Amino acid sequence: MLWRPTYHRRIAQLADGLSTATSFVLAYFIWNWIRVNTDLGVGPEIQISWNDLWKIIVLSVIWVVILAKLNAYTYQRFTSLSREFSQVLKTTVLGVLIFFAVFFLFRFQYVPRTYIIIFAVVNFGCLASEKILLFRMAKIIRKKGINRKKMLVVGTGNKALQFVKTVEENIGWGLDIIGFLSDYKYERNKDVGGKKVLGTFLDLDRILQQKIIDEVFICVSDKEIGKTKEILETCEREGVQVRFNSNFFGYLAKRVSIDYIYGLPIISYHTTPNDEWALYLKRLIDIFISGFLLLLLLPLFVLIASVIKLTSKGPVLYDWNVVGLDKKPFKSWKFRTMVQNAEQLKEKLMEDNEMEGPVFKMKDDPRITKLGRFLRKFSLDELPQLWSVLKGDMSLVGPRPAGPHELQRYESWQRRKLSIRPGITCIWQVKGRNKINDFDEWAKLDMQYIDNWSIWLDIKILLLTIPVVITGRGAS
């Protein structure tokens, strides 16, 4: 049987790898056809030979690894096409970035950027089409009674009833609810939501022996979580899969891990992102982009520095002493946009502060020079911070660094901003910038970033930052 529970993940991984490999070849033929048959400049001729096969295989494996890290192969019964498309889009973007980095670092043969763009479009199309095909195949097969799982639901409350209703509305999931378990004896043999209550929590051992049950789905209130310990132990003895539908951890669940240390079960709650591979990739992206931009924008750096020197007295760069990751101080730099004695004048302007909280913001700040106002409008004053990103003191995306004097006025929950590496841009940059006049609102956006962090979110913020900076929207 092709579509068995033990095979479907491998089938999906093999299909993804083949789709990606096909995308490389198909993109080449499309690119070459455009080069030969049109006047569009797509670059000089390139050749794909059998010697390139190993590169295509390696890159295809990388695509599968990215999909795996995005949980594309974990319990696919609850998936949807929109979720599949989202994962495919994220994989294509991340994969293309890795593709760029690999060819840049190892200096393989020349690859036109137009080919990479065409490949990205073709790859998304191939993977999306493949997902639609597999999705439809799985639904058809499960509707015919193949690859279905028998599930016992623990609990009879609204949470359990809502779960059963959702399962029945999605027959393609391939789940058959055989009944409920209740914590109350008087509900035994009672009909709940069209399904029978087979017994109490204490009857689970007997029911597992009498009936074929593939999974036990626990849907109880937070107060009843403690009563499910024996259910977990029974399922472990019987080798039956258990799943929870609980608000006990809520959105924090993704930050919880369990380890056994000298026989002791240790539950760890991570207050910040702890996916080492994703954080490693974030750092590689920081190094690659900051290094590239520092080289590319060097003539602009020289031009801005020269104009600053010619138009006002004082140094070209402003030494920015701030606090970063884990409250560790570091020095960063910006192009100077204010007069020399700006810090002394600040004390006299505190009454005109338009920002509620520890940060000072003033729309028509008299300390800003004419050139400085232009630099700030298009965030050109921030460019020297790319050096801090390359060094590792900052990241391209992250909460704004805190000044030592600001940190003293932070509330307890606001100091969580310092639990990750600060950045040049973040959600506040693309959602409000200088239009935000309440530091609490600013800090909440940073908390939103920390709680929902992913590589894809970083890429999304970077892409959204580009039009904000080019148009100068929200700057002052």
Protein backbone atom coordinates (compact mmCIF):
# COMPACT_ATOMS: atom_id res chain seq x y z
CA MET A 1 0.00 0.00 0.00
CA LEU A 2 1.51 3.33 -1.08
CA TRP A 3 -0.06 5.65 1.45
CA ARG A 4 0.63 4.02 4.80
CA PRO A 5 1.21 6.00 8.03
CA THR A 6 4.87 4.90 8.14
CA TYR A 7 5.48 6.01 4.55
CA HIS A 8 3.68 9.30 3.99
CA ARG A 9 6.36 11.55 5.54
CA ARG A 10 9.09 9.96 3.43
CA ILE A 11 6.90 10.27 0.35
CA ALA A 12 6.39 14.01 1.08
CA GLN A 13 10.14 14.54 1.64
CA LEU A 14 11.06 12.68 -1.55
CA ALA A 15 8.43 14.63 -3.52
CA ASP A 16 9.76 17.94 -2.16
CA GLY A 17 13.33 17.00 -3.09
CA LEU A 18 12.36 15.94 -6.61
CA SER A 19 10.22 19.08 -7.09
CA THR A 20 13.15 21.28 -6.11
CA ALA A 21 15.61 19.41 -8.34
CA THR A 22 13.14 19.69 -11.23
CA SER A 23 12.82 23.43 -10.52
CA PHE A 24 16.54 23.98 -11.07
CA VAL A 25 16.44 22.25 -14.46
CA LEU A 26 13.11 23.74 -15.57
CA ALA A 27 14.23 27.26 -14.57
CA TYR A 28 17.35 26.79 -16.70
CA PHE A 29 15.33 25.92 -19.82
CA ILE A 30 12.97 28.87 -19.25
CA TRP A 31 15.92 31.22 -18.69
CA ASN A 32 17.72 29.93 -21.79
CA TRP A 33 14.57 30.23 -23.93
CA ILE A 34 14.18 33.88 -22.84
CA ARG A 35 17.85 34.53 -23.64
CA VAL A 36 17.64 33.00 -27.14
CA ASN A 37 14.18 34.11 -28.22
CA THR A 38 13.78 37.58 -26.71
CA ASP A 39 15.69 40.84 -26.45
CA LEU A 40 15.58 40.82 -22.65
CA GLY A 41 19.03 40.99 -21.12
CA VAL A 42 19.26 37.93 -18.88
CA GLY A 43 23.03 37.59 -18.83
CA PRO A 44 25.66 35.58 -20.72
CA GLU A 45 25.13 31.92 -21.62
CA ILE A 46 25.55 29.32 -18.89
CA GLN A 47 25.54 25.54 -19.16
CA ILE A 48 24.13 22.85 -16.86
CA SER A 49 25.97 19.54 -17.10
CA TRP A 50 26.03 16.20 -15.29
CA ASN A 51 28.87 17.62 -13.18
CA ASP A 52 26.30 19.98 -11.62
CA LEU A 53 24.09 17.09 -10.51
CA TRP A 54 25.66 16.84 -7.05
CA LYS A 55 25.09 20.58 -6.47
CA ILE A 56 21.41 20.21 -7.40
CA ILE A 57 21.07 17.18 -5.09
CA VAL A 58 22.72 19.01 -2.16
CA LEU A 59 20.55 22.10 -2.62
CA SER A 60 17.43 19.92 -2.91
CA VAL A 61 18.33 18.25 0.39
CA ILE A 62 18.75 21.72 1.94
CA TRP A 63 15.23 22.58 0.76
CA VAL A 64 13.88 19.44 2.49
CA VAL A 65 15.79 20.32 5.69
CA ILE A 66 14.30 23.82 5.67
CA LEU A 67 10.79 22.38 5.25
CA ALA A 68 11.50 19.98 8.12
CA LYS A 69 12.62 22.87 10.35
CA LEU A 70 9.36 24.63 9.47
CA ASN A 71 7.49 21.54 10.75
CA ALA A 72 6.19 20.65 7.30
CA TYR A 73 6.35 16.93 8.08
CA THR A 74 4.95 16.84 11.62
CA TYR A 75 1.45 15.41 12.00
CA GLN A 76 0.13 16.51 8.64
CA ARG A 77 -3.48 15.50 9.37
CA PHE A 78 -4.24 18.93 10.83
CA THR A 79 -2.61 20.81 7.99
CA SER A 80 -4.31 23.02 5.40
CA LEU A 81 -3.37 24.23 1.94
CA SER A 82 -2.88 27.79 3.20
CA ARG A 83 -0.41 26.52 5.80
CA GLU A 84 1.34 24.42 3.15
CA PHE A 85 1.64 27.44 0.82
CA SER A 86 3.01 29.56 3.67
CA GLN A 87 5.70 26.96 4.38
CA VAL A 88 6.56 26.69 0.67
CA LEU A 89 6.93 30.48 0.37
CA LYS A 90 9.15 30.66 3.46
CA THR A 91 11.25 27.75 2.19
CA THR A 92 11.70 29.35 -1.23
CA VAL A 93 12.83 32.69 0.27
CA LEU A 94 15.21 31.06 2.80
CA GLY A 95 16.50 28.61 0.21
CA VAL A 96 17.27 31.35 -2.31
CA LEU A 97 19.17 33.30 0.37
CA ILE A 98 21.22 30.18 1.16
CA PHE A 99 21.69 29.63 -2.58
CA PHE A 100 23.10 33.15 -2.92
CA ALA A 101 25.36 32.67 0.12
CA VAL A 102 26.72 29.27 -1.01
CA PHE A 103 27.63 30.49 -4.50
CA PHE A 104 29.09 33.71 -3.06
CA LEU A 105 31.23 31.97 -0.42
CA PHE A 106 32.44 29.02 -2.52
CA ARG A 107 32.70 31.01 -5.75
CA PHE A 108 31.09 28.42 -8.01
CA GLN A 109 30.50 29.20 -11.67
CA TYR A 110 28.70 32.42 -12.56
CA VAL A 111 24.93 32.26 -12.02
CA PRO A 112 22.84 35.16 -13.44
CA ARG A 113 20.50 36.85 -10.97
CA THR A 114 17.72 36.55 -13.55
CA TYR A 115 18.09 32.76 -13.40
CA ILE A 116 17.77 32.79 -9.62
CA ILE A 117 14.63 34.95 -9.83
CA ILE A 118 13.10 32.60 -12.41
CA PHE A 119 14.09 29.61 -10.27
CA ALA A 120 12.40 31.13 -7.19
CA VAL A 121 9.12 31.55 -9.10
CA VAL A 122 9.34 28.07 -10.67
CA ASN A 123 10.29 26.47 -7.35
CA PHE A 124 7.32 27.99 -5.55
CA GLY A 125 5.03 26.88 -8.38
CA CYS A 126 6.40 23.31 -8.43
CA LEU A 127 6.30 22.85 -4.67
CA ALA A 128 2.83 24.42 -4.37
CA SER A 129 1.50 22.20 -7.18
CA GLU A 130 3.04 19.14 -5.55
CA LYS A 131 1.47 20.03 -2.19
CA ILE A 132 -1.95 20.42 -3.82
CA LEU A 133 -1.55 17.01 -5.46
CA LEU A 134 -0.46 15.25 -2.25
CA PHE A 135 -3.12 17.06 -0.24
CA ARG A 136 -5.85 15.94 -2.65
CA MET A 137 -4.47 12.40 -2.79
CA ALA A 138 -4.43 12.11 1.00
CA LYS A 139 -8.02 13.35 1.28
CA ILE A 140 -9.27 10.92 -1.40
CA ILE A 141 -7.42 7.99 0.16
CA ARG A 142 -8.67 8.78 3.68
CA LYS A 143 -12.25 9.25 2.48
CA LYS A 144 -12.04 5.71 1.08
CA GLY A 145 -11.22 4.43 4.57
CA ILE A 146 -7.47 4.04 4.07
CA ASN A 147 -4.87 5.54 6.42
CA ARG A 148 -7.48 6.50 9.02
CA LYS A 149 -6.86 6.66 12.76
CA LYS A 150 -9.26 5.70 15.54
CA MET A 151 -9.24 8.30 18.29
CA LEU A 152 -10.55 8.33 21.86
CA VAL A 153 -11.36 11.77 23.31
CA VAL A 154 -10.73 12.39 27.01
CA GLY A 155 -13.19 14.96 28.36
CA THR A 156 -16.81 15.86 27.65
CA GLY A 157 -16.77 19.65 28.02
CA ASN A 158 -17.05 22.36 25.40
CA LYS A 159 -13.40 21.95 24.41
CA ALA A 160 -13.93 18.26 23.63
CA LEU A 161 -17.20 18.87 21.77
CA GLN A 162 -15.61 21.61 19.66
CA PHE A 163 -12.75 19.27 18.76
CA VAL A 164 -15.12 16.49 17.68
CA LYS A 165 -17.15 18.94 15.60
CA THR A 166 -14.00 20.19 13.86
CA VAL A 167 -12.85 16.63 13.11
CA GLU A 168 -16.25 15.71 11.62
CA GLU A 169 -16.17 18.83 9.43
CA ASN A 170 -12.75 17.79 8.09
CA ILE A 171 -13.22 14.19 7.02
CA GLY A 172 -10.02 14.43 4.99
CA TRP A 173 -8.02 14.41 8.21
CA GLY A 174 -8.72 10.71 8.43
CA LEU A 175 -9.72 10.68 12.12
CA ASP A 176 -12.56 8.51 13.47
CA ILE A 177 -13.83 9.44 16.96
CA ILE A 178 -14.90 6.20 18.66
CA GLY A 179 -16.13 7.81 21.88
CA PHE A 180 -15.39 9.81 25.04
CA LEU A 181 -13.92 9.28 28.47
CA SER A 182 -15.46 11.30 31.31
CA ASP A 183 -14.26 12.15 34.80
CA TYR A 184 -17.80 11.55 36.09
CA LYS A 185 -19.35 8.11 36.62
CA TYR A 186 -22.90 9.35 35.99
CA GLU A 187 -21.91 10.18 32.36
CA ARG A 188 -20.96 6.57 31.56
CA ASN A 189 -22.88 5.27 28.48
CA LYS A 190 -24.33 8.73 27.98
CA ASP A 191 -24.59 10.14 24.44
CA VAL A 192 -22.52 13.35 24.05
CA GLY A 193 -22.44 15.14 20.72
CA GLY A 194 -23.49 12.00 18.87
CA LYS A 195 -20.73 9.88 20.45
CA LYS A 196 -20.95 7.50 23.39
CA VAL A 197 -19.14 7.99 26.72
CA LEU A 198 -17.29 4.67 26.99
CA GLY A 199 -16.29 5.07 30.62
CA THR A 200 -14.41 7.14 33.16
CA PHE A 201 -10.73 8.02 33.26
CA LEU A 202 -10.17 4.86 35.36
CA ASP A 203 -11.62 2.68 32.59
CA LEU A 204 -8.97 3.59 30.02
CA ASP A 205 -6.88 0.47 30.61
CA ARG A 206 -9.88 -1.79 29.91
CA ILE A 207 -10.98 0.20 26.85
CA LEU A 208 -7.51 0.10 25.28
CA GLN A 209 -7.49 -3.68 25.68
CA GLN A 210 -10.98 -4.14 24.22
CA LYS A 211 -10.83 -1.68 21.32
CA ILE A 212 -8.36 -0.70 18.61
CA ILE A 213 -7.34 2.88 19.43
CA ASP A 214 -4.51 4.65 17.61
CA GLU A 215 -4.52 7.94 19.53
CA VAL A 216 -5.92 9.43 22.72
CA PHE A 217 -6.78 13.12 22.48
CA ILE A 218 -7.04 14.89 25.85
CA CYS A 219 -9.44 17.85 25.89
CA VAL A 220 -9.87 18.91 29.51
CA SER A 221 -9.85 22.18 31.40
CA ASP A 222 -6.67 23.51 32.99
CA LYS A 223 -7.98 22.54 36.44
CA GLU A 224 -8.32 18.90 35.34
CA ILE A 225 -4.82 18.60 33.85
CA GLY A 226 -3.53 17.00 37.05
CA LYS A 227 -6.04 14.15 36.72
CA THR A 228 -4.59 13.05 33.37
CA LYS A 229 -1.32 11.69 34.80
CA GLU A 230 -2.67 8.13 35.04
CA ILE A 231 -4.02 8.42 31.48
CA LEU A 232 -0.54 9.32 30.22
CA GLU A 233 1.03 6.42 32.13
CA THR A 234 -1.57 3.97 30.79
CA CYS A 235 -1.06 5.13 27.20
CA GLU A 236 2.69 4.83 27.63
CA ARG A 237 2.34 1.22 28.80
CA GLU A 238 0.07 0.41 25.87
CA GLY A 239 2.19 2.32 23.32
CA VAL A 240 -0.70 4.60 22.32
CA GLN A 241 -0.02 8.14 21.01
CA VAL A 242 -1.37 10.96 23.24
CA ARG A 243 -2.15 14.52 22.18
CA PHE A 244 -3.28 17.49 24.27
CA ASN A 245 -5.65 20.34 23.52
CA SER A 246 -4.92 22.59 26.48
CA ASN A 247 -4.50 26.27 27.30
CA PHE A 248 -2.21 25.41 30.22
CA PHE A 249 0.80 26.96 28.46
CA GLY A 250 -1.15 28.79 25.75
CA TYR A 251 1.14 30.39 23.16
CA LEU A 252 4.05 29.68 25.53
CA ALA A 253 3.91 25.96 24.69
CA LYS A 254 6.35 26.36 21.80
CA ARG A 255 8.95 27.56 24.33
CA VAL A 256 8.66 24.54 26.64
CA SER A 257 11.12 21.64 26.54
CA ILE A 258 11.53 18.57 28.74
CA ASP A 259 14.87 16.96 29.60
CA TYR A 260 15.87 14.08 31.84
CA ILE A 261 18.89 14.94 33.99
CA TYR A 262 20.14 12.10 36.19
CA GLY A 263 16.67 10.58 36.06
CA LEU A 264 14.94 13.83 36.99
CA PRO A 265 12.32 15.20 34.54
CA ILE A 266 13.16 18.90 34.08
CA ILE A 267 10.65 21.18 32.35
CA SER A 268 12.30 24.30 30.91
CA TYR A 269 10.47 27.38 29.77
CA HIS A 270 12.52 29.52 27.41
CA THR A 271 11.60 33.19 27.58
CA THR A 272 13.40 33.92 24.31
CA PRO A 273 13.81 32.04 20.99
CA ASN A 274 15.99 28.95 21.56
CA ASP A 275 16.14 27.27 18.15
CA GLU A 276 19.93 27.10 17.75
CA TRP A 277 19.86 26.37 14.02
CA ALA A 278 17.49 29.25 13.31
CA LEU A 279 19.58 31.62 15.46
CA TYR A 280 22.70 30.44 13.68
CA LEU A 281 21.06 31.16 10.33
CA LYS A 282 19.98 34.60 11.62
CA ARG A 283 23.62 35.36 12.46
CA LEU A 284 24.80 34.18 9.02
CA ILE A 285 22.22 36.45 7.36
CA ASP A 286 23.42 39.37 9.53
CA ILE A 287 27.05 38.79 8.54
CA PHE A 288 26.30 38.30 4.85
CA ILE A 289 23.98 41.31 4.41
CA SER A 290 25.89 43.75 6.65
CA GLY A 291 29.23 42.84 5.04
CA PHE A 292 27.76 43.19 1.55
CA LEU A 293 26.13 46.55 2.33
CA LEU A 294 29.26 47.95 3.99
CA LEU A 295 31.23 47.26 0.80
CA LEU A 296 28.47 48.38 -1.55
CA LEU A 297 27.71 51.64 0.32
CA LEU A 298 31.32 52.66 1.00
CA PRO A 299 31.19 55.55 -1.55
CA LEU A 300 27.96 56.78 0.11
CA PHE A 301 29.66 56.64 3.54
CA VAL A 302 32.48 58.83 2.23
CA LEU A 303 30.02 61.29 0.66
CA ILE A 304 27.89 61.64 3.80
CA ALA A 305 30.98 62.01 6.01
CA SER A 306 32.37 64.75 3.74
CA VAL A 307 29.09 66.72 3.71
CA ILE A 308 28.76 66.47 7.52
CA LYS A 309 32.30 67.78 7.95
CA LEU A 310 31.69 70.66 5.53
CA THR A 311 28.31 71.76 6.92
CA SER A 312 28.76 71.69 10.71
CA LYS A 313 31.38 71.61 13.43
CA GLY A 314 32.10 68.40 15.27
CA PRO A 315 32.96 64.77 14.56
CA VAL A 316 31.46 62.87 11.64
CA LEU A 317 30.27 59.97 13.80
CA TYR A 318 28.23 60.05 16.99
CA ASP A 319 29.46 57.57 19.61
CA TRP A 320 26.32 55.76 20.70
CA ASN A 321 26.87 54.16 24.12
CA VAL A 322 24.00 51.73 24.61
CA VAL A 323 22.99 48.55 26.40
CA GLY A 324 22.45 45.38 24.40
CA LEU A 325 21.93 41.66 24.88
CA ASP A 326 21.75 40.64 28.57
CA LYS A 327 22.19 44.29 29.63
CA LYS A 328 25.81 44.33 28.40
CA PRO A 329 27.00 47.82 27.33
CA PHE A 330 28.62 48.36 23.94
CA LYS A 331 29.54 51.25 21.69
CA SER A 332 27.88 51.74 18.33
CA TRP A 333 28.01 54.61 15.87
CA LYS A 334 25.67 56.78 13.86
CA PHE A 335 26.33 59.64 11.50
CA ARG A 336 26.11 62.81 13.58
CA THR A 337 22.83 64.63 12.92
CA MET A 338 22.89 67.15 15.79
CA VAL A 339 24.93 70.10 16.93
CA GLN A 340 28.00 69.48 19.10
CA ASN A 341 26.42 70.35 22.47
CA ALA A 342 23.23 68.37 21.86
CA GLU A 343 23.39 66.49 25.18
CA GLN A 344 23.66 69.71 27.21
CA LEU A 345 20.74 71.26 25.32
CA LYS A 346 18.61 68.16 25.90
CA GLU A 347 18.08 69.00 29.57
CA LYS A 348 16.47 72.30 28.61
CA LEU A 349 14.13 70.58 26.14
CA MET A 350 12.81 67.82 28.41
CA GLU A 351 9.53 69.68 28.92
CA ASP A 352 8.90 69.40 25.17
CA ASN A 353 9.37 65.61 25.11
CA GLU A 354 6.56 64.11 22.99
CA MET A 355 7.22 60.52 24.02
CA GLU A 356 5.63 59.08 27.16
CA GLY A 357 8.25 57.04 28.97
CA PRO A 358 12.06 56.95 29.24
CA VAL A 359 12.80 57.83 25.60
CA PHE A 360 13.17 61.43 24.38
CA LYS A 361 11.43 62.33 21.11
CA MET A 362 10.71 65.80 19.75
CA LYS A 363 9.28 66.46 16.29
CA ASP A 364 11.00 69.80 15.60
CA ASP A 365 14.11 69.22 17.69
CA PRO A 366 16.21 72.43 17.34
CA ARG A 367 19.41 70.46 17.95
CA ILE A 368 19.12 68.63 14.60
CA THR A 369 21.07 70.15 11.71
CA LYS A 370 19.54 70.66 8.27
CA LEU A 371 21.60 67.80 6.87
CA GLY A 372 20.79 65.73 9.94
CA ARG A 373 17.07 66.12 9.31
CA PHE A 374 17.55 64.75 5.79
CA LEU A 375 19.71 61.86 7.03
CA ARG A 376 17.13 60.94 9.68
CA LYS A 377 14.21 61.10 7.27
CA PHE A 378 15.73 58.34 5.13
CA SER A 379 17.51 56.55 8.03
CA LEU A 380 20.91 57.25 6.46
CA ASP A 381 22.28 58.16 9.89
CA GLU A 382 21.76 54.51 10.94
CA LEU A 383 24.12 53.08 8.28
CA PRO A 384 27.27 52.94 10.48
CA GLN A 385 25.39 50.50 12.74
CA LEU A 386 25.99 47.89 10.03
CA TRP A 387 29.48 47.62 11.51
CA SER A 388 27.94 46.76 14.89
CA VAL A 389 25.86 44.09 13.13
CA LEU A 390 28.97 42.62 11.49
CA LYS A 391 30.76 42.60 14.88
CA GLY A 392 27.85 40.84 16.54
CA ASP A 393 26.82 43.59 18.98
CA MET A 394 23.61 44.13 17.01
CA SER A 395 21.41 42.35 14.49
CA LEU A 396 19.67 43.66 11.39
CA VAL A 397 16.31 43.00 13.08
CA GLY A 398 15.66 43.37 16.79
CA PRO A 399 14.45 45.78 19.49
CA ARG A 400 16.01 49.23 19.60
CA PRO A 401 19.11 49.37 21.87
CA ALA A 402 18.59 51.12 25.20
CA GLY A 403 20.65 54.02 26.49
CA PRO A 404 22.01 53.51 30.04
CA HIS A 405 19.95 56.47 31.32
CA GLU A 406 16.83 55.06 29.64
CA LEU A 407 17.30 51.61 31.15
CA GLN A 408 17.12 53.05 34.66
CA ARG A 409 13.57 54.19 33.92
CA TYR A 410 12.38 50.95 32.30
CA GLU A 411 9.59 49.04 33.99
CA SER A 412 10.27 45.38 34.82
CA TRP A 413 8.42 43.95 31.79
CA GLN A 414 10.11 46.41 29.43
CA ARG A 415 13.58 45.11 30.35
CA ARG A 416 12.73 41.89 28.54
CA LYS A 417 13.68 43.84 25.39
CA LEU A 418 17.28 43.19 26.41
CA SER A 419 16.90 39.39 26.37
CA ILE A 420 17.78 39.27 22.66
CA ARG A 421 20.32 41.08 20.48
CA PRO A 422 19.16 44.64 19.58
CA GLY A 423 18.60 45.56 15.95
CA ILE A 424 18.58 48.37 13.41
CA THR A 425 14.93 47.77 12.50
CA CYS A 426 11.99 45.93 14.00
CA ILE A 427 8.19 45.91 14.05
CA TRP A 428 8.13 49.45 15.48
CA GLN A 429 10.00 50.67 12.40
CA VAL A 430 7.44 49.35 9.93
CA LYS A 431 4.29 49.88 12.02
CA GLY A 432 4.75 53.28 13.53
CA ARG A 433 8.25 54.66 13.53
CA ASN A 434 8.13 58.19 14.99
CA LYS A 435 4.32 58.23 14.98
CA ILE A 436 4.41 56.14 18.17
CA ASN A 437 4.31 58.53 21.13
CA ASP A 438 3.95 56.03 23.96
CA PHE A 439 6.97 53.95 24.94
CA ASP A 440 4.66 51.23 26.32
CA GLU A 441 3.23 50.74 22.84
CA TRP A 442 6.74 50.63 21.42
CA ALA A 443 7.83 48.05 24.00
CA LYS A 444 4.72 45.91 23.33
CA LEU A 445 5.69 45.74 19.65
CA ASP A 446 9.13 44.53 20.72
CA MET A 447 7.53 41.88 22.96
CA GLN A 448 5.39 40.82 19.99
CA TYR A 449 8.57 40.38 17.97
CA ILE A 450 10.30 38.33 20.69
CA ASP A 451 7.28 36.06 21.25
CA ASN A 452 6.74 35.39 17.54
CA TRP A 453 10.31 35.42 16.30
CA SER A 454 11.28 33.34 13.28
CA ILE A 455 13.66 33.72 10.35
CA TRP A 456 10.64 34.37 8.17
CA LEU A 457 9.51 37.22 10.44
CA ASP A 458 12.98 38.80 10.15
CA ILE A 459 12.85 38.57 6.36
CA LYS A 460 9.34 40.01 6.31
CA ILE A 461 10.40 42.97 8.49
CA LEU A 462 13.47 43.62 6.33
CA LEU A 463 11.34 43.64 3.19
CA LEU A 464 8.76 45.96 4.79
CA THR A 465 11.53 48.29 6.02
CA ILE A 466 12.78 49.00 2.49
CA PRO A 467 9.74 51.04 1.30
CA VAL A 468 9.48 52.75 4.71
CA VAL A 469 13.08 53.96 4.46
CA ILE A 470 12.92 54.90 0.76
CA THR A 471 9.79 57.01 1.22
CA GLY A 472 10.83 58.39 4.60
CA ARG A 473 7.36 57.48 5.91
CA GLY A 474 6.82 58.25 9.59
CA ALA A 475 10.22 59.91 10.04
CA SER A 476 10.90 63.30 11.55
